[in-house]
Protein backbone atom coordinates (compact mmCIF):
# COMPACT_ATOMS: atom_id res chain seq x y z
CA MET A 1 -18.03 41.37 -22.75
CA ALA A 2 -15.53 38.67 -23.59
CA LYS A 3 -14.53 35.25 -22.24
CA ILE A 4 -11.15 33.76 -21.37
CA ALA A 5 -10.60 30.04 -20.69
CA VAL A 6 -8.03 29.23 -18.01
CA ILE A 7 -6.63 25.70 -17.95
CA SER A 8 -3.93 24.02 -15.89
CA ASP A 9 -2.27 20.73 -15.00
CA ILE A 10 -2.77 18.78 -18.22
CA HIS A 11 -0.06 16.31 -17.19
CA GLY A 12 0.38 14.61 -20.54
CA ASN A 13 -3.31 13.69 -20.78
CA LEU A 14 -4.01 14.52 -24.42
CA THR A 15 -7.39 12.78 -24.32
CA ALA A 16 -8.64 15.19 -21.64
CA LEU A 17 -6.99 18.21 -23.27
CA GLU A 18 -8.69 17.53 -26.60
CA ALA A 19 -12.06 17.22 -24.83
CA VAL A 20 -11.51 20.57 -23.11
CA LYS A 21 -10.41 22.19 -26.36
CA LYS A 22 -13.60 20.96 -28.03
CA ASP A 23 -15.72 22.34 -25.20
CA ILE A 24 -13.96 25.72 -25.36
CA ARG A 25 -14.45 25.92 -29.11
CA LYS A 26 -18.16 25.09 -28.77
CA ARG A 27 -18.44 28.13 -26.50
CA ARG A 28 -16.64 30.23 -29.14
CA ILE A 29 -13.89 31.22 -26.73
CA THR A 30 -10.69 32.18 -28.51
CA ARG A 31 -8.45 33.26 -25.61
CA ILE A 32 -6.88 30.46 -23.57
CA ILE A 33 -4.32 30.76 -20.76
CA SER A 34 -2.43 27.72 -19.43
CA LEU A 35 -1.07 27.78 -15.87
CA GLY A 36 1.58 25.09 -16.16
CA ASP A 37 2.24 21.39 -15.67
CA ILE A 38 1.52 20.55 -19.28
CA ILE A 39 3.71 17.48 -18.82
CA GLY A 40 4.39 14.79 -16.24
CA ARG A 41 2.44 11.71 -15.15
CA GLY A 42 0.57 11.08 -18.42
CA PRO A 43 1.52 9.20 -21.60
CA GLN A 44 1.53 12.00 -24.21
CA PRO A 45 3.64 14.94 -22.97
CA ALA A 46 5.01 15.94 -26.40
CA GLU A 47 1.57 15.98 -28.01
CA CYS A 48 0.20 18.10 -25.14
CA VAL A 49 3.03 20.62 -25.44
CA ASP A 50 2.42 20.93 -29.18
CA LEU A 51 -1.32 21.49 -28.71
CA ILE A 52 -0.83 24.04 -25.93
CA ARG A 53 1.56 25.98 -28.16
CA GLU A 54 -1.09 25.98 -30.86
CA ILE A 55 -4.13 27.08 -28.85
CA CYS A 56 -2.87 29.19 -25.90
CA GLU A 57 -1.98 32.87 -26.02
CA VAL A 58 -0.08 32.46 -22.73
CA SER A 59 1.48 29.38 -21.15
CA LEU A 60 3.14 29.59 -17.72
CA LEU A 61 5.83 27.67 -15.89
CA GLY A 62 4.77 24.82 -13.62
CA ASN A 63 6.82 22.69 -11.26
CA TRP A 64 7.05 19.92 -13.88
CA GLU A 65 8.31 22.35 -16.53
CA HIS A 66 10.94 23.53 -14.06
CA LYS A 67 12.20 20.12 -12.98
CA ILE A 68 12.07 18.49 -16.42
CA ASN A 69 15.26 20.30 -17.41
CA LEU A 70 17.10 19.25 -14.25
CA PRO A 71 19.13 16.02 -14.12
CA ALA A 72 16.61 13.17 -14.09
CA ASP A 73 16.29 11.61 -10.65
CA ASN A 74 13.90 8.78 -11.51
CA GLU A 75 12.54 6.66 -14.35
CA ALA A 76 9.33 8.70 -14.73
CA VAL A 77 11.23 11.95 -15.34
CA ARG A 78 13.65 10.31 -17.80
CA TRP A 79 10.69 8.77 -19.65
CA GLN A 80 9.13 12.23 -20.07
CA GLN A 81 12.43 13.83 -21.15
CA GLU A 82 13.00 11.24 -23.87
CA ARG A 83 9.58 11.84 -25.41
CA LEU A 84 9.79 15.62 -25.30
CA GLY A 85 13.09 16.08 -27.12
CA ALA A 86 15.51 19.01 -27.02
CA GLU A 87 13.40 21.68 -28.73
CA ARG A 88 10.35 21.19 -26.50
CA LEU A 89 12.54 21.03 -23.40
CA GLN A 90 14.00 24.41 -24.29
CA TYR A 91 10.51 25.84 -24.85
CA LEU A 92 9.40 24.61 -21.42
CA GLU A 93 12.49 26.04 -19.74
CA GLU A 94 11.72 29.52 -21.08
CA LEU A 95 8.08 29.75 -19.97
CA PRO A 96 7.19 32.84 -17.88
CA PHE A 97 6.46 32.58 -14.16
CA SER A 98 3.29 34.69 -14.06
CA PHE A 99 0.97 36.77 -16.21
CA ASP A 100 -1.20 39.79 -15.34
CA LEU A 101 -4.06 41.42 -17.20
CA GLN A 102 -6.86 43.89 -16.57
CA MET A 103 -10.50 42.91 -16.95
CA SER A 104 -13.66 44.76 -15.90
CA GLY A 105 -11.60 47.17 -13.79
CA LYS A 106 -9.79 44.38 -11.93
CA TRP A 107 -6.13 43.40 -12.04
CA LEU A 108 -5.89 39.64 -12.46
CA ARG A 109 -2.79 37.58 -11.85
CA PHE A 110 -2.22 34.05 -13.11
CA LEU A 111 0.48 31.68 -11.84
CA HIS A 112 0.99 28.00 -11.25
CA ALA A 113 1.32 27.58 -7.48
CA SER A 114 2.13 30.80 -5.57
CA PRO A 115 4.06 34.08 -5.98
CA GLN A 116 6.95 32.52 -4.04
CA SER A 117 7.65 29.41 -6.12
CA VAL A 118 6.19 26.84 -8.51
CA TYR A 119 6.77 24.38 -5.64
CA HIS A 120 5.03 26.37 -2.88
CA ARG A 121 1.67 24.65 -2.54
CA VAL A 122 -1.36 26.57 -1.26
CA ASN A 123 -4.08 24.03 -0.57
CA ARG A 124 -7.78 24.77 -0.40
CA SER A 125 -7.57 24.29 3.38
CA ALA A 126 -4.72 26.84 3.78
CA SER A 127 -5.22 29.69 6.24
CA LYS A 128 -6.66 33.03 5.10
CA LYS A 129 -3.31 34.62 5.89
CA GLU A 130 -1.50 32.28 3.51
CA LYS A 131 -4.13 32.79 0.85
CA ARG A 132 -3.85 36.60 1.12
CA GLN A 133 -0.14 36.21 0.40
CA MET A 134 -1.14 34.98 -3.05
CA PHE A 135 -1.91 38.63 -3.93
CA GLU A 136 1.52 39.97 -2.98
CA HIS A 137 4.21 41.08 -5.44
CA THR A 138 7.47 39.14 -5.25
CA GLU A 139 10.74 39.24 -7.16
CA LYS A 140 9.26 36.57 -9.43
CA THR A 141 6.04 38.47 -10.22
CA TRP A 142 6.72 42.21 -10.09
CA LEU A 143 8.28 42.36 -13.55
CA SER A 144 5.03 41.21 -15.11
CA LEU A 145 3.38 44.46 -14.04
CA LYS A 146 6.29 46.80 -14.85
CA PRO A 147 4.77 50.34 -14.89
CA TYR A 148 1.81 49.07 -12.85
CA ALA A 149 3.88 47.64 -10.00
CA ASP A 150 2.11 49.89 -7.51
CA LYS A 151 -1.30 48.44 -8.43
CA ASN A 152 -3.06 45.99 -6.18
CA ILE A 153 -3.98 42.57 -7.51
CA ASP A 154 -7.74 42.00 -7.21
CA ALA A 155 -8.00 38.39 -8.38
CA VAL A 156 -5.58 35.47 -8.57
CA GLY A 157 -6.02 32.27 -10.53
CA TYR A 158 -3.74 29.29 -9.97
CA GLY A 159 -3.45 25.54 -10.52
CA ASP A 160 -1.08 23.03 -8.89
CA ILE A 161 -3.40 21.47 -6.29
CA HIS A 162 -5.79 19.79 -8.79
CA VAL A 163 -8.84 20.85 -6.73
CA PRO A 164 -11.08 23.61 -8.13
CA TYR A 165 -12.57 26.25 -5.85
CA VAL A 166 -13.50 29.93 -5.64
CA GLN A 167 -13.10 31.99 -2.46
CA MET A 168 -13.58 35.63 -1.51
CA LEU A 169 -11.09 37.13 0.94
CA LYS A 170 -10.51 40.63 2.33
CA ASN A 171 -7.28 42.63 2.36
CA LYS A 172 -6.10 44.89 5.19
CA ASP A 173 -8.40 47.64 3.93
CA LYS A 174 -11.39 45.25 4.01
CA GLN A 175 -11.58 45.23 0.23
CA GLY A 176 -12.56 42.05 -1.56
CA LEU A 177 -10.01 39.69 -3.07
CA LEU A 178 -11.00 36.86 -5.40
CA LEU A 179 -8.96 33.65 -5.31
CA PHE A 180 -9.74 30.76 -7.60
CA ASN A 181 -8.20 27.46 -8.58
CA THR A 182 -8.81 25.95 -12.01
CA GLY A 183 -8.55 22.35 -10.92
CA SER A 184 -6.79 20.00 -13.33
CA VAL A 185 -7.50 19.15 -16.94
CA GLY A 186 -5.57 15.90 -16.86
CA ALA A 187 -5.48 14.67 -13.25
CA PRO A 188 -8.37 15.90 -11.07
CA TYR A 189 -8.04 15.18 -7.33
CA ASP A 190 -11.51 16.10 -6.07
CA GLY A 191 -13.15 12.75 -6.69
CA ILE A 192 -14.68 13.72 -10.04
CA ALA A 193 -12.91 11.94 -12.90
CA GLN A 194 -13.58 14.72 -15.38
CA ALA A 195 -11.39 17.50 -16.76
CA SER A 196 -11.69 20.83 -14.96
CA TYR A 197 -11.15 24.39 -16.17
CA VAL A 198 -12.39 27.96 -15.60
CA ILE A 199 -14.09 30.56 -17.78
CA LEU A 200 -13.66 34.25 -16.94
CA GLU A 201 -16.12 36.72 -18.40
CA GLY A 202 -15.78 40.49 -18.36
CA LYS A 203 -14.66 43.51 -20.32
CA PRO A 204 -11.06 42.90 -21.47
CA ASP A 205 -8.28 45.48 -21.05
CA SER A 206 -10.66 47.83 -19.24
CA SER A 207 -9.93 49.94 -16.16
CA LEU A 208 -13.64 50.68 -15.65
CA PRO A 209 -15.59 48.48 -13.23
CA SER A 210 -18.15 46.29 -14.99
CA ALA A 211 -19.74 42.85 -14.77
CA PHE A 212 -17.28 40.04 -14.08
CA SER A 213 -17.76 36.33 -13.45
CA VAL A 214 -15.86 33.12 -12.81
CA ALA A 215 -17.42 29.84 -13.94
CA MET A 216 -16.16 26.37 -13.09
CA VAL A 217 -16.53 23.82 -15.91
CA ARG A 218 -16.26 20.04 -15.84
CA VAL A 219 -15.79 18.07 -19.06
CA PRO A 220 -16.17 14.28 -19.28
CA TYR A 221 -13.70 12.41 -21.45
CA ASP A 222 -12.84 8.80 -22.34
CA VAL A 223 -10.76 7.69 -19.36
CA GLU A 224 -10.47 4.11 -20.61
CA LYS A 225 -9.07 5.33 -23.94
CA LEU A 226 -6.41 7.26 -21.99
CA ILE A 227 -5.53 4.19 -19.94
CA GLN A 228 -5.27 2.07 -23.09
CA ILE A 229 -2.78 4.60 -24.52
CA ALA A 230 -0.79 4.57 -21.28
CA GLU A 231 -0.62 0.75 -21.32
CA GLN A 232 0.50 0.67 -24.96
CA MET A 233 3.29 3.15 -24.20
CA ASN A 234 4.48 1.32 -21.04
CA LEU A 235 4.00 4.42 -18.91
CA PRO A 236 6.01 4.30 -15.65
CA ASN A 237 3.94 3.99 -12.46
CA LEU A 238 1.07 2.67 -14.59
CA GLU A 239 -0.96 1.09 -11.76
CA ARG A 240 -1.05 4.31 -9.74
CA PHE A 241 -1.84 6.33 -12.86
CA CYS A 242 -4.83 4.14 -13.71
CA LEU A 243 -6.20 4.35 -10.16
CA GLU A 244 -5.95 8.14 -10.17
CA MET A 245 -7.55 8.55 -13.57
CA ARG A 246 -10.50 6.28 -12.76
CA SER A 247 -11.13 7.66 -9.27
CA GLY A 248 -10.27 11.33 -9.71
CA LEU A 249 -8.28 11.08 -6.48
CA GLU A 250 -4.58 11.25 -5.64
CA GLN A 251 -3.17 7.86 -4.70
């Protein structure tokens, strides 16, 4: 048995990311997958990109990574671009859309928002029909499977909505599908002002069915330290940022 940590939506919150890294290391987990939105909102986007590159075996494209290389349409985007610099911007532009692996006889897919787009939001309250579409192959995802393109996806992990949950669904053949959201490391929106991530446990790279689990983890961190950093750096939209960080709710 082995464990994989799945993180998402750091949003420039290095304080939270370092707390999550410490928690992962305490659990002696060495494999980490990031599902996108490393940057945006928070005061330390460059530092978060550098740390993700250091600790993650896979890092995926989020909506912020996609739009950060587009012409800046507001002060907040320009502020992030200036701090990232050309080399990091290029790295973010080249991130893959999705990633698939086999674990305990299941095919798992990881992506930021949905198989359609990094901007297509699937909320926790979405219909079962919309959630089942998360398991479909699209032009953006099929290449990640290559010779296994005819295989069904058994479990999907995603980020984007900043609200962690786990749900079992059924496909047309009444077989179980596992859908889970990691929540957000850097900007939780479920009313708990703590970093959120997921631990998967199972037999890696195995086609044989065996024990498999998904665990939701919450990690407290120094929110006031983060806010002090944001104030020192004159972060755009500071008042809203502080409200969200302290409340754990979208403003």
